Amino acid sequence: MKMTSRLLPALALASALAAPACATSGHMYRDDRPYAYAQAPGVERIARDNGFREGREAGDKDARHGKSFSPERHGDFRDADDGYHRDFGDKEFYRREFRDGYRAGYAESYNAYLSGYRR
């Protein structure tokens, strides 16, 4: 009887730990990034494109003015809501995608300017 009373809690814990993350979180996973079920189609691309454009402008400007590489210093990066519309769904999802695009655009533009400047 003692063995059974110890075994049941251990089995319950093991089964809880073995449950897939998506079954417990209420989110689906794609590319190891969570996103909400109710996301409007195409929002990821829209957010990334908007962020990329903003980031390119900021990266070019920072490089031309001799500033250090730092996309996080910009208000557009911190706010990350340019182009967002409530019909898009989860605003935090939009912000994450916008920031990913912003970083990519900033890096591309900043590094391209420096590469051309050093020639």
PDB file of N, CA and C in Angstrom:
ATOM      1  N   MET A   1       0.816  -1.192   0.000  1.00  0.00           N
ATOM      2  CA  MET A   1       0.000   0.000   0.000  1.00  0.00           C
ATOM      3  C   MET A   1       0.863   1.261   0.000  1.00  0.00           C
ATOM      4  N   LYS A   2       1.955   1.271   0.758  1.00  0.00           N
ATOM      5  CA  LYS A   2       2.837   2.430   0.780  1.00  0.00           C
ATOM      6  C   LYS A   2       3.453   2.678  -0.587  1.00  0.00           C
ATOM      7  N   MET A   3       3.803   1.616  -1.281  1.00  0.00           N
ATOM      8  CA  MET A   3       4.412   1.739  -2.598  1.00  0.00           C
ATOM      9  C   MET A   3       3.450   2.421  -3.577  1.00  0.00           C
ATOM     10  N   THR A   4       2.175   2.067  -3.537  1.00  0.00           N
ATOM     11  CA  THR A   4       1.167   2.646  -4.413  1.00  0.00           C
ATOM     12  C   THR A   4       0.955   4.120  -4.091  1.00  0.00           C
ATOM     13  N   SER A   5       0.950   4.492  -2.823  1.00  0.00           N
ATOM     14  CA  SER A   5       0.725   5.890  -2.451  1.00  0.00           C
ATOM     15  C   SER A   5       1.891   6.772  -2.877  1.00  0.00           C
ATOM     16  N   ARG A   6       3.057   6.232  -3.023  1.00  0.00           N
ATOM     17  CA  ARG A   6       4.212   7.003  -3.504  1.00  0.00           C
ATOM     18  C   ARG A   6       4.265   7.020  -5.033  1.00  0.00           C
ATOM     19  N   LEU A   7       3.806   5.974  -5.631  1.00  0.00           N
ATOM     20  CA  LEU A   7       3.887   5.830  -7.074  1.00  0.00           C
ATOM     21  C   LEU A   7       2.890   6.730  -7.812  1.00  0.00           C
ATOM     22  N   LEU A   8       1.698   6.893  -7.288  1.00  0.00           N
ATOM     23  CA  LEU A   8       0.676   7.696  -7.962  1.00  0.00           C
ATOM     24  C   LEU A   8       1.085   9.153  -8.133  1.00  0.00           C
ATOM     25  N   PRO A   9       1.560   9.835  -7.091  1.00  0.00           N
ATOM     26  CA  PRO A   9       1.984  11.224  -7.309  1.00  0.00           C
ATOM     27  C   PRO A   9       3.137  11.335  -8.305  1.00  0.00           C
ATOM     28  N   ALA A  10       4.048  10.379  -8.287  1.00  0.00           N
ATOM     29  CA  ALA A  10       5.169  10.403  -9.222  1.00  0.00           C
ATOM     30  C   ALA A  10       4.680  10.242 -10.653  1.00  0.00           C
ATOM     31  N   LEU A  11       3.712   9.342 -10.860  1.00  0.00           N
ATOM     32  CA  LEU A  11       3.154   9.154 -12.201  1.00  0.00           C
ATOM     33  C   LEU A  11       2.389  10.393 -12.664  1.00  0.00           C
ATOM     34  N   ALA A  12       1.666  11.014 -11.776  1.00  0.00           N
ATOM     35  CA  ALA A  12       0.925  12.224 -12.123  1.00  0.00           C
ATOM     36  C   ALA A  12       1.880  13.340 -12.531  1.00  0.00           C
ATOM     37  N   LEU A  13       2.965  13.498 -11.802  1.00  0.00           N
ATOM     38  CA  LEU A  13       3.960  14.519 -12.128  1.00  0.00           C
ATOM     39  C   LEU A  13       4.616  14.223 -13.473  1.00  0.00           C
ATOM     40  N   ALA A  14       4.974  12.991 -13.696  1.00  0.00           N
ATOM     41  CA  ALA A  14       5.617  12.612 -14.956  1.00  0.00           C
ATOM     42  C   ALA A  14       4.693  12.867 -16.146  1.00  0.00           C
ATOM     43  N   SER A  15       3.424  12.571 -16.021  1.00  0.00           N
ATOM     44  CA  SER A  15       2.503  12.790 -17.139  1.00  0.00           C
ATOM     45  C   SER A  15       2.272  14.275 -17.385  1.00  0.00           C
ATOM     46  N   ALA A  16       2.265  15.079 -16.336  1.00  0.00           N
ATOM     47  CA  ALA A  16       2.100  16.524 -16.506  1.00  0.00           C
ATOM     48  C   ALA A  16       3.311  17.125 -17.207  1.00  0.00           C
ATOM     49  N   LEU A  17       4.490  16.654 -16.860  1.00  0.00           N
ATOM     50  CA  LEU A  17       5.703  17.174 -17.482  1.00  0.00           C
ATOM     51  C   LEU A  17       5.840  16.722 -18.930  1.00  0.00           C
ATOM     52  N   ALA A  18       5.258  15.608 -19.267  1.00  0.00           N
ATOM     53  CA  ALA A  18       5.366  15.077 -20.620  1.00  0.00           C
ATOM     54  C   ALA A  18       4.361  15.702 -21.581  1.00  0.00           C
ATOM     55  N   ALA A  19       3.402  16.480 -21.099  1.00  0.00           N
ATOM     56  CA  ALA A  19       2.402  17.101 -21.983  1.00  0.00           C
ATOM     57  C   ALA A  19       3.087  18.096 -22.907  1.00  0.00           C
ATOM     58  N   PRO A  20       2.710  18.132 -24.170  1.00  0.00           N
ATOM     59  CA  PRO A  20       3.339  19.078 -25.094  1.00  0.00           C
ATOM     60  C   PRO A  20       3.028  20.517 -24.707  1.00  0.00           C
ATOM     61  N   ALA A  21       3.968  21.397 -24.945  1.00  0.00           N
ATOM     62  CA  ALA A  21       3.819  22.802 -24.571  1.00  0.00           C
ATOM     63  C   ALA A  21       2.623  23.440 -25.247  1.00  0.00           C
ATOM     64  N   CYS A  22       2.373  23.107 -26.514  1.00  0.00           N
ATOM     65  CA  CYS A  22       1.260  23.737 -27.223  1.00  0.00           C
ATOM     66  C   CYS A  22      -0.085  23.309 -26.659  1.00  0.00           C
ATOM     67  N   ALA A  23      -0.152  22.170 -26.001  1.00  0.00           N
ATOM     68  CA  ALA A  23      -1.416  21.707 -25.433  1.00  0.00           C
ATOM     69  C   ALA A  23      -1.758  22.477 -24.178  1.00  0.00           C
ATOM     70  N   THR A  24      -0.767  23.039 -23.523  1.00  0.00           N
ATOM     71  CA  THR A  24      -1.020  23.733 -22.276  1.00  0.00           C
ATOM     72  C   THR A  24      -1.017  25.244 -22.423  1.00  0.00           C
ATOM     73  N   SER A  25      -0.427  25.784 -23.501  1.00  0.00           N
ATOM     74  CA  SER A  25      -0.262  27.231 -23.586  1.00  0.00           C
ATOM     75  C   SER A  25      -1.386  27.946 -24.319  1.00  0.00           C
ATOM     76  N   GLY A  26      -2.181  27.229 -25.129  1.00  0.00           N
ATOM     77  CA  GLY A  26      -3.219  27.898 -25.898  1.00  0.00           C
ATOM     78  C   GLY A  26      -2.676  28.571 -27.139  1.00  0.00           C
ATOM     79  N   HIS A  27      -1.453  28.297 -27.508  1.00  0.00           N
ATOM     80  CA  HIS A  27      -0.842  28.888 -28.688  1.00  0.00           C
ATOM     81  C   HIS A  27      -0.351  27.786 -29.609  1.00  0.00           C
ATOM     82  N   MET A  28      -0.280  28.124 -30.877  1.00  0.00           N
ATOM     83  CA  MET A  28       0.314  27.221 -31.853  1.00  0.00           C
ATOM     84  C   MET A  28       1.774  27.634 -32.002  1.00  0.00           C
ATOM     85  N   TYR A  29       2.579  26.789 -32.591  1.00  0.00           N
ATOM     86  CA  TYR A  29       3.979  27.121 -32.775  1.00  0.00           C
ATOM     87  C   TYR A  29       4.375  26.979 -34.232  1.00  0.00           C
ATOM     88  N   ARG A  30       5.123  27.928 -34.703  1.00  0.00           N
ATOM     89  CA  ARG A  30       5.682  27.919 -36.042  1.00  0.00           C
ATOM     90  C   ARG A  30       7.059  28.562 -35.920  1.00  0.00           C
ATOM     91  N   ASP A  31       8.063  27.917 -36.404  1.00  0.00           N
ATOM     92  CA  ASP A  31       9.437  28.414 -36.314  1.00  0.00           C
ATOM     93  C   ASP A  31       9.831  28.720 -34.878  1.00  0.00           C
ATOM     94  N   ASP A  32       9.325  27.924 -33.945  1.00  0.00           N
ATOM     95  CA  ASP A  32       9.630  28.079 -32.515  1.00  0.00           C
ATOM     96  C   ASP A  32       9.187  29.418 -31.940  1.00  0.00           C
ATOM     97  N   ARG A  33       8.258  30.096 -32.613  1.00  0.00           N
ATOM     98  CA  ARG A  33       7.733  31.352 -32.083  1.00  0.00           C
ATOM     99  C   ARG A  33       6.241  31.209 -31.855  1.00  0.00           C
ATOM    100  N   PRO A  34       5.766  31.572 -30.657  1.00  0.00           N
ATOM    101  CA  PRO A  34       4.327  31.454 -30.425  1.00  0.00           C
ATOM    102  C   PRO A  34       3.555  32.550 -31.167  1.00  0.00           C
ATOM    103  N   TYR A  35       2.357  32.228 -31.578  1.00  0.00           N
ATOM    104  CA  TYR A  35       1.468  33.242 -32.123  1.00  0.00           C
ATOM    105  C   TYR A  35       0.034  32.860 -31.781  1.00  0.00           C
ATOM    106  N   ALA A  36      -0.818  33.846 -31.732  1.00  0.00           N
ATOM    107  CA  ALA A  36      -2.194  33.616 -31.295  1.00  0.00           C
ATOM    108  C   ALA A  36      -3.005  32.940 -32.394  1.00  0.00           C
ATOM    109  N   TYR A  37      -3.959  32.116 -31.993  1.00  0.00           N
ATOM    110  CA  TYR A  37      -4.844  31.453 -32.951  1.00  0.00           C
ATOM    111  C   TYR A  37      -5.610  32.465 -33.802  1.00  0.00           C
ATOM    112  N   ALA A  38      -6.012  33.566 -33.212  1.00  0.00           N
ATOM    113  CA  ALA A  38      -6.901  34.514 -33.869  1.00  0.00           C
ATOM    114  C   ALA A  38      -6.157  35.539 -34.723  1.00  0.00           C
ATOM    115  N   GLN A  39      -4.931  35.256 -35.100  1.00  0.00           N
ATOM    116  CA  GLN A  39      -4.152  36.201 -35.882  1.00  0.00           C
ATOM    117  C   GLN A  39      -4.732  36.309 -37.288  1.00  0.00           C
ATOM    118  N   ALA A  40      -4.890  37.528 -37.780  1.00  0.00           N
ATOM    119  CA  ALA A  40      -5.382  37.737 -39.135  1.00  0.00           C
ATOM    120  C   ALA A  40      -4.333  37.265 -40.146  1.00  0.00           C
ATOM    121  N   PRO A  41      -4.753  36.738 -41.277  1.00  0.00           N
ATOM    122  CA  PRO A  41      -3.803  36.260 -42.283  1.00  0.00           C
ATOM    123  C   PRO A  41      -2.913  37.394 -42.802  1.00  0.00           C
ATOM    124  N   GLY A  42      -1.639  37.113 -42.964  1.00  0.00           N
ATOM    125  CA  GLY A  42      -0.710  38.083 -43.539  1.00  0.00           C
ATOM    126  C   GLY A  42      -0.145  39.094 -42.571  1.00  0.00           C
ATOM    127  N   VAL A  43      -0.562  39.070 -41.327  1.00  0.00           N
ATOM    128  CA  VAL A  43      -0.110  40.079 -40.364  1.00  0.00           C
ATOM    129  C   VAL A  43       1.397  39.981 -40.126  1.00  0.00           C
ATOM    130  N   GLU A  44       1.910  38.767 -40.083  1.00  0.00           N
ATOM    131  CA  GLU A  44       3.352  38.598 -39.860  1.00  0.00           C
ATOM    132  C   GLU A  44       4.152  39.329 -40.938  1.00  0.00           C
ATOM    133  N   ARG A  45       3.772  39.124 -42.193  1.00  0.00           N
ATOM    134  CA  ARG A  45       4.475  39.774 -43.303  1.00  0.00           C
ATOM    135  C   ARG A  45       4.332  41.291 -43.248  1.00  0.00           C
ATOM    136  N   ILE A  46       3.119  41.761 -42.968  1.00  0.00           N
ATOM    137  CA  ILE A  46       2.868  43.203 -42.891  1.00  0.00           C
ATOM    138  C   ILE A  46       3.722  43.825 -41.799  1.00  0.00           C
ATOM    139  N   ALA A  47       3.721  43.218 -40.629  1.00  0.00           N
ATOM    140  CA  ALA A  47       4.485  43.762 -39.502  1.00  0.00           C
ATOM    141  C   ALA A  47       5.982  43.762 -39.806  1.00  0.00           C
ATOM    142  N   ARG A  48       6.477  42.657 -40.354  1.00  0.00           N
ATOM    143  CA  ARG A  48       7.906  42.574 -40.681  1.00  0.00           C
ATOM    144  C   ARG A  48       8.288  43.587 -41.754  1.00  0.00           C
ATOM    145  N   ASP A  49       7.460  43.728 -42.774  1.00  0.00           N
ATOM    146  CA  ASP A  49       7.745  44.704 -43.833  1.00  0.00           C
ATOM    147  C   ASP A  49       7.763  46.124 -43.285  1.00  0.00           C
ATOM    148  N   ASN A  50       6.780  46.452 -42.460  1.00  0.00           N
ATOM    149  CA  ASN A  50       6.743  47.786 -41.863  1.00  0.00           C
ATOM    150  C   ASN A  50       7.977  48.029 -40.996  1.00  0.00           C
ATOM    151  N   GLY A  51       8.324  47.052 -40.188  1.00  0.00           N
ATOM    152  CA  GLY A  51       9.509  47.174 -39.346  1.00  0.00           C
ATOM    153  C   GLY A  51      10.782  47.270 -40.163  1.00  0.00           C
ATOM    154  N   PHE A  52      10.870  46.480 -41.212  1.00  0.00           N
ATOM    155  CA  PHE A  52      12.062  46.489 -42.068  1.00  0.00           C
ATOM    156  C   PHE A  52      12.277  47.869 -42.680  1.00  0.00           C
ATOM    157  N   ARG A  53      11.212  48.461 -43.210  1.00  0.00           N
ATOM    158  CA  ARG A  53      11.321  49.801 -43.815  1.00  0.00           C
ATOM    159  C   ARG A  53      11.771  50.833 -42.792  1.00  0.00           C
ATOM    160  N   GLU A  54      11.141  50.815 -41.618  1.00  0.00           N
ATOM    161  CA  GLU A  54      11.513  51.768 -40.565  1.00  0.00           C
ATOM    162  C   GLU A  54      12.949  51.549 -40.114  1.00  0.00           C
ATOM    163  N   GLY A  55      13.325  50.292 -39.966  1.00  0.00           N
ATOM    164  CA  GLY A  55      14.683  49.969 -39.536  1.00  0.00           C
ATOM    165  C   GLY A  55      15.737  50.389 -40.543  1.00  0.00           C
ATOM    166  N   ARG A  56      15.434  50.220 -41.829  1.00  0.00           N
ATOM    167  CA  ARG A  56      16.387  50.647 -42.866  1.00  0.00           C
ATOM    168  C   ARG A  56      16.651  52.136 -42.789  1.00  0.00           C
ATOM    169  N   GLU A  57      15.599  52.902 -42.608  1.00  0.00           N
ATOM    170  CA  GLU A  57      15.770  54.358 -42.507  1.00  0.00           C
ATOM    171  C   GLU A  57      16.623  54.727 -41.300  1.00  0.00           C
ATOM    172  N   ALA A  58      16.315  54.121 -40.167  1.00  0.00           N
ATOM    173  CA  ALA A  58      17.051  54.435 -38.934  1.00  0.00           C
ATOM    174  C   ALA A  58      18.506  53.974 -39.019  1.00  0.00           C
ATOM    175  N   GLY A  59      18.747  52.802 -39.576  1.00  0.00           N
ATOM    176  CA  GLY A  59      20.105  52.291 -39.705  1.00  0.00           C
ATOM    177  C   GLY A  59      20.958  53.158 -40.612  1.00  0.00           C
ATOM    178  N   ASP A  60      20.386  53.585 -41.716  1.00  0.00           N
ATOM    179  CA  ASP A  60      21.109  54.462 -42.640  1.00  0.00           C
ATOM    180  C   ASP A  60      21.441  55.793 -41.967  1.00  0.00           C
ATOM    181  N   LYS A  61      20.462  56.343 -41.290  1.00  0.00           N
ATOM    182  CA  LYS A  61      20.659  57.636 -40.619  1.00  0.00           C
ATOM    183  C   LYS A  61      21.724  57.530 -39.528  1.00  0.00           C
ATOM    184  N   ASP A  62      21.664  56.484 -38.715  1.00  0.00           N
ATOM    185  CA  ASP A  62      22.663  56.313 -37.655  1.00  0.00           C
ATOM    186  C   ASP A  62      24.064  56.149 -38.243  1.00  0.00           C
ATOM    187  N   ALA A  63      24.193  55.350 -39.288  1.00  0.00           N
ATOM    188  CA  ALA A  63      25.509  55.137 -39.903  1.00  0.00           C
ATOM    189  C   ALA A  63      26.042  56.437 -40.504  1.00  0.00           C
ATOM    190  N   ARG A  64      25.181  57.195 -41.201  1.00  0.00           N
ATOM    191  CA  ARG A  64      25.618  58.458 -41.807  1.00  0.00           C
ATOM    192  C   ARG A  64      26.075  59.463 -40.767  1.00  0.00           C
ATOM    193  N   HIS A  65      25.474  59.415 -39.586  1.00  0.00           N
ATOM    194  CA  HIS A  65      25.826  60.361 -38.521  1.00  0.00           C
ATOM    195  C   HIS A  65      26.872  59.811 -37.557  1.00  0.00           C
ATOM    196  N   GLY A  66      27.437  58.677 -37.878  1.00  0.00           N
ATOM    197  CA  GLY A  66      28.514  58.118 -37.063  1.00  0.00           C
ATOM    198  C   GLY A  66      28.078  57.580 -35.712  1.00  0.00           C
ATOM    199  N   LYS A  67      26.809  57.255 -35.569  1.00  0.00           N
ATOM    200  CA  LYS A  67      26.314  56.714 -34.298  1.00  0.00           C
ATOM    201  C   LYS A  67      26.604  55.221 -34.218  1.00  0.00           C
ATOM    202  N   SER A  68      26.655  54.715 -33.005  1.00  0.00           N
ATOM    203  CA  SER A  68      26.889  53.289 -32.809  1.00  0.00           C
ATOM    204  C   SER A  68      25.674  52.484 -33.257  1.00  0.00           C
ATOM    205  N   PHE A  69      25.920  51.212 -33.545  1.00  0.00           N
ATOM    206  CA  PHE A  69      24.862  50.296 -33.962  1.00  0.00           C
ATOM    207  C   PHE A  69      23.959  50.020 -32.770  1.00  0.00           C
ATOM    208  N   SER A  70      22.710  50.480 -32.854  1.00  0.00           N
ATOM    209  CA  SER A  70      21.772  50.271 -31.743  1.00  0.00           C
ATOM    210  C   SER A  70      20.338  50.513 -32.196  1.00  0.00           C
ATOM    211  N   PRO A  71      19.694  49.503 -32.783  1.00  0.00           N
ATOM    212  CA  PRO A  71      18.308  49.699 -33.204  1.00  0.00           C
ATOM    213  C   PRO A  71      17.369  49.945 -32.025  1.00  0.00           C
ATOM    214  N   GLU A  72      17.717  49.441 -30.859  1.00  0.00           N
ATOM    215  CA  GLU A  72      16.847  49.557 -29.685  1.00  0.00           C
ATOM    216  C   GLU A  72      16.702  50.988 -29.174  1.00  0.00           C
ATOM    217  N   ARG A  73      17.579  51.891 -29.577  1.00  0.00           N
ATOM    218  CA  ARG A  73      17.515  53.266 -29.074  1.00  0.00           C
ATOM    219  C   ARG A  73      16.374  54.068 -29.697  1.00  0.00           C
ATOM    220  N   HIS A  74      15.798  53.570 -30.762  1.00  0.00           N
ATOM    221  CA  HIS A  74      14.791  54.325 -31.512  1.00  0.00           C
ATOM    222  C   HIS A  74      13.373  54.084 -30.997  1.00  0.00           C
ATOM    223  N   GLY A  75      12.610  55.154 -30.948  1.00  0.00           N
ATOM    224  CA  GLY A  75      11.229  55.080 -30.489  1.00  0.00           C
ATOM    225  C   GLY A  75      10.367  54.171 -31.353  1.00  0.00           C
ATOM    226  N   ASP A  76      10.618  54.172 -32.663  1.00  0.00           N
ATOM    227  CA  ASP A  76       9.848  53.294 -33.548  1.00  0.00           C
ATOM    228  C   ASP A  76      10.074  51.831 -33.186  1.00  0.00           C
ATOM    229  N   PHE A  77      11.288  51.487 -32.809  1.00  0.00           N
ATOM    230  CA  PHE A  77      11.578  50.113 -32.384  1.00  0.00           C
ATOM    231  C   PHE A  77      10.880  49.811 -31.063  1.00  0.00           C
ATOM    232  N   ARG A  78      10.972  50.719 -30.114  1.00  0.00           N
ATOM    233  CA  ARG A  78      10.374  50.485 -28.797  1.00  0.00           C
ATOM    234  C   ARG A  78       8.853  50.405 -28.881  1.00  0.00           C
ATOM    235  N   ASP A  79       8.240  51.302 -29.649  1.00  0.00           N
ATOM    236  CA  ASP A  79       6.776  51.289 -29.789  1.00  0.00           C
ATOM    237  C   ASP A  79       6.320  50.093 -30.636  1.00  0.00           C
ATOM    238  N   ALA A  80       7.002  49.890 -31.747  1.00  0.00           N
ATOM    239  CA  ALA A  80       6.766  48.762 -32.654  1.00  0.00           C
ATOM    240  C   ALA A  80       5.307  48.600 -33.052  1.00  0.00           C
ATOM    241  N   ASP A  81       4.629  49.722 -33.279  1.00  0.00           N
ATOM    242  CA  ASP A  81       3.220  49.618 -33.661  1.00  0.00           C
ATOM    243  C   ASP A  81       2.863  50.414 -34.915  1.00  0.00           C
ATOM    244  N   ASP A  82       3.877  50.925 -35.634  1.00  0.00           N
ATOM    245  CA  ASP A  82       3.600  51.638 -36.884  1.00  0.00           C
ATOM    246  C   ASP A  82       2.904  50.692 -37.855  1.00  0.00           C
ATOM    247  N   GLY A  83       1.766  51.112 -38.359  1.00  0.00           N
ATOM    248  CA  GLY A  83       1.021  50.311 -39.316  1.00  0.00           C
ATOM    249  C   GLY A  83       0.073  49.305 -38.692  1.00  0.00           C
ATOM    250  N   TYR A  84       0.055  49.208 -37.361  1.00  0.00           N
ATOM    251  CA  TYR A  84      -0.828  48.241 -36.708  1.00  0.00           C
ATOM    252  C   TYR A  84      -2.283  48.716 -36.804  1.00  0.00           C
ATOM    253  N   HIS A  85      -3.176  47.774 -37.025  1.00  0.00           N
ATOM    254  CA  HIS A  85      -4.616  48.040 -36.997  1.00  0.00           C
ATOM    255  C   HIS A  85      -5.266  46.978 -36.132  1.00  0.00           C
ATOM    256  N   ARG A  86      -6.260  47.339 -35.367  1.00  0.00           N
ATOM    257  CA  ARG A  86      -6.876  46.392 -34.429  1.00  0.00           C
ATOM    258  C   ARG A  86      -7.425  45.140 -35.104  1.00  0.00           C
ATOM    259  N   ASP A  87      -7.755  45.241 -36.389  1.00  0.00           N
ATOM    260  CA  ASP A  87      -8.228  44.062 -37.112  1.00  0.00           C
ATOM    261  C   ASP A  87      -7.130  43.002 -37.284  1.00  0.00           C
ATOM    262  N   PHE A  88      -5.878  43.398 -37.052  1.00  0.00           N
ATOM    263  CA  PHE A  88      -4.761  42.467 -37.187  1.00  0.00           C
ATOM    264  C   PHE A  88      -4.736  41.430 -36.074  1.00  0.00           C
ATOM    265  N   GLY A  89      -5.400  41.709 -34.975  1.00  0.00           N
ATOM    266  CA  GLY A  89      -5.402  40.760 -33.860  1.00  0.00           C
ATOM    267  C   GLY A  89      -4.419  41.165 -32.777  1.00  0.00           C
ATOM    268  N   ASP A  90      -3.738  40.199 -32.219  1.00  0.00           N
ATOM    269  CA  ASP A  90      -2.845  40.368 -31.079  1.00  0.00           C
ATOM    270  C   ASP A  90      -1.758  41.413 -31.357  1.00  0.00           C
ATOM    271  N   LYS A  91      -1.787  42.499 -30.613  1.00  0.00           N
ATOM    272  CA  LYS A  91      -0.833  43.587 -30.822  1.00  0.00           C
ATOM    273  C   LYS A  91       0.584  43.182 -30.436  1.00  0.00           C
ATOM    274  N   GLU A  92       0.719  42.353 -29.429  1.00  0.00           N
ATOM    275  CA  GLU A  92       2.059  41.911 -29.022  1.00  0.00           C
ATOM    276  C   GLU A  92       2.705  41.043 -30.099  1.00  0.00           C
ATOM    277  N   PHE A  93       1.905  40.236 -30.773  1.00  0.00           N
ATOM    278  CA  PHE A  93       2.425  39.459 -31.899  1.00  0.00           C
ATOM    279  C   PHE A  93       2.952  40.407 -32.974  1.00  0.00           C
ATOM    280  N   TYR A  94       2.160  41.418 -33.315  1.00  0.00           N
ATOM    281  CA  TYR A  94       2.567  42.401 -34.318  1.00  0.00           C
ATOM    282  C   TYR A  94       3.873  43.058 -33.903  1.00  0.00           C
ATOM    283  N   ARG A  95       3.978  43.444 -32.638  1.00  0.00           N
ATOM    284  CA  ARG A  95       5.184  44.109 -32.147  1.00  0.00           C
ATOM    285  C   ARG A  95       6.420  43.215 -32.272  1.00  0.00           C
ATOM    286  N   ARG A  96       6.282  41.947 -31.933  1.00  0.00           N
ATOM    287  CA  ARG A  96       7.430  41.031 -32.052  1.00  0.00           C
ATOM    288  C   ARG A  96       7.891  40.927 -33.503  1.00  0.00           C
ATOM    289  N   GLU A  97       6.937  40.786 -34.408  1.00  0.00           N
ATOM    290  CA  GLU A  97       7.285  40.658 -35.825  1.00  0.00           C
ATOM    291  C   GLU A  97       7.859  41.965 -36.367  1.00  0.00           C
ATOM    292  N   PHE A  98       7.283  43.093 -35.969  1.00  0.00           N
ATOM    293  CA  PHE A  98       7.777  44.404 -36.377  1.00  0.00           C
ATOM    294  C   PHE A  98       9.228  44.570 -35.940  1.00  0.00           C
ATOM    295  N   ARG A  99       9.517  44.227 -34.694  1.00  0.00           N
ATOM    296  CA  ARG A  99      10.884  44.367 -34.178  1.00  0.00           C
ATOM    297  C   ARG A  99      11.861  43.445 -34.908  1.00  0.00           C
ATOM    298  N   ASP A 100      11.428  42.250 -35.249  1.00  0.00           N
ATOM    299  CA  ASP A 100      12.298  41.358 -36.024  1.00  0.00           C
ATOM    300  C   ASP A 100      12.640  41.990 -37.375  1.00  0.00           C
ATOM    301  N   GLY A 101      11.630  42.519 -38.034  1.00  0.00           N
ATOM    302  CA  GLY A 101      11.859  43.188 -39.311  1.00  0.00           C
ATOM    303  C   GLY A 101      12.706  44.436 -39.153  1.00  0.00           C
ATOM    304  N   TYR A 102      12.478  45.190 -38.093  1.00  0.00           N
ATOM    305  CA  TYR A 102      13.227  46.416 -37.827  1.00  0.00           C
ATOM    306  C   TYR A 102      14.713  46.103 -37.656  1.00  0.00           C
ATOM    307  N   ARG A 103      14.997  45.098 -36.843  1.00  0.00           N
ATOM    308  CA  ARG A 103      16.405  44.713 -36.630  1.00  0.00           C
ATOM    309  C   ARG A 103      17.075  44.341 -37.946  1.00  0.00           C
ATOM    310  N   ALA A 104      16.369  43.559 -38.770  1.00  0.00           N
ATOM    311  CA  ALA A 104      16.940  43.123 -40.048  1.00  0.00           C
ATOM    312  C   ALA A 104      17.182  44.314 -40.977  1.00  0.00           C
ATOM    313  N   GLY A 105      16.218  45.205 -41.081  1.00  0.00           N
ATOM    314  CA  GLY A 105      16.368  46.379 -41.939  1.00  0.00           C
ATOM    315  C   GLY A 105      17.455  47.319 -41.435  1.00  0.00           C
ATOM    316  N   TYR A 106      17.505  47.506 -40.141  1.00  0.00           N
ATOM    317  CA  TYR A 106      18.521  48.369 -39.536  1.00  0.00           C
ATOM    318  C   TYR A 106      19.915  47.820 -39.831  1.00  0.00           C
ATOM    319  N   ALA A 107      20.111  46.542 -39.576  1.00  0.00           N
ATOM    320  CA  ALA A 107      21.421  45.921 -39.785  1.00  0.00           C
ATOM    321  C   ALA A 107      21.832  45.994 -41.252  1.00  0.00           C
ATOM    322  N   GLU A 108      20.903  45.689 -42.146  1.00  0.00           N
ATOM    323  CA  GLU A 108      21.217  45.719 -43.577  1.00  0.00           C
ATOM    324  C   GLU A 108      21.665  47.105 -44.003  1.00  0.00           C
ATOM    325  N   SER A 109      20.912  48.111 -43.621  1.00  0.00           N
ATOM    326  CA  SER A 109      21.194  49.474 -44.030  1.00  0.00           C
ATOM    327  C   SER A 109      22.463  50.017 -43.366  1.00  0.00           C
ATOM    328  N   TYR A 110      22.601  49.788 -42.093  1.00  0.00           N
ATOM    329  CA  TYR A 110      23.767  50.268 -41.340  1.00  0.00           C
ATOM    330  C   TYR A 110      25.042  49.657 -41.916  1.00  0.00           C
ATOM    331  N   ASN A 111      25.039  48.356 -42.097  1.00  0.00           N
ATOM    332  CA  ASN A 111      26.227  47.666 -42.601  1.00  0.00           C
ATOM    333  C   ASN A 111      26.508  48.012 -44.057  1.00  0.00           C
ATOM    334  N   ALA A 112      25.470  48.206 -44.865  1.00  0.00           N
ATOM    335  CA  ALA A 112      25.665  48.582 -46.265  1.00  0.00           C
ATOM    336  C   ALA A 112      26.312  49.960 -46.357  1.00  0.00           C
ATOM    337  N   TYR A 113      25.880  50.867 -45.519  1.00  0.00           N
ATOM    338  CA  TYR A 113      26.471  52.204 -45.534  1.00  0.00           C
ATOM    339  C   TYR A 113      27.942  52.146 -45.146  1.00  0.00           C
ATOM    340  N   LEU A 114      28.239  51.412 -44.078  1.00  0.00           N
ATOM    341  CA  LEU A 114      29.634  51.315 -43.643  1.00  0.00           C
ATOM    342  C   LEU A 114      30.506  50.618 -44.678  1.00  0.00           C
ATOM    343  N   SER A 115      29.961  49.609 -45.338  1.00  0.00           N
ATOM    344  CA  SER A 115      30.734  48.911 -46.377  1.00  0.00           C
ATOM    345  C   SER A 115      31.050  49.838 -47.526  1.00  0.00           C
ATOM    346  N   GLY A 116      30.104  50.641 -47.937  1.00  0.00           N
ATOM    347  CA  GLY A 116      30.330  51.603 -49.015  1.00  0.00           C
ATOM    348  C   GLY A 116      31.223  52.740 -48.593  1.00  0.00           C
ATOM    349  N   TYR A 117      31.154  53.125 -47.345  1.00  0.00           N
ATOM    350  CA  TYR A 117      31.940  54.237 -46.831  1.00  0.00           C
ATOM    351  C   TYR A 117      33.412  53.889 -46.749  1.00  0.00           C
ATOM    352  N   ARG A 118      33.722  52.646 -46.448  1.00  0.00           N
ATOM    353  CA  ARG A 118      35.110  52.218 -46.242  1.00  0.00           C
ATOM    354  C   ARG A 118      35.854  51.970 -47.553  1.00  0.00           C
ATOM    355  N   ARG A 119      35.162  51.929 -48.668  1.00  0.00           N
ATOM    356  CA  ARG A 119      35.830  51.645 -49.957  1.00  0.00           C
ATOM    357  C   ARG A 119      36.622  52.804 -50.452  1.00  0.00           C
TER     358      ARG A 119
END
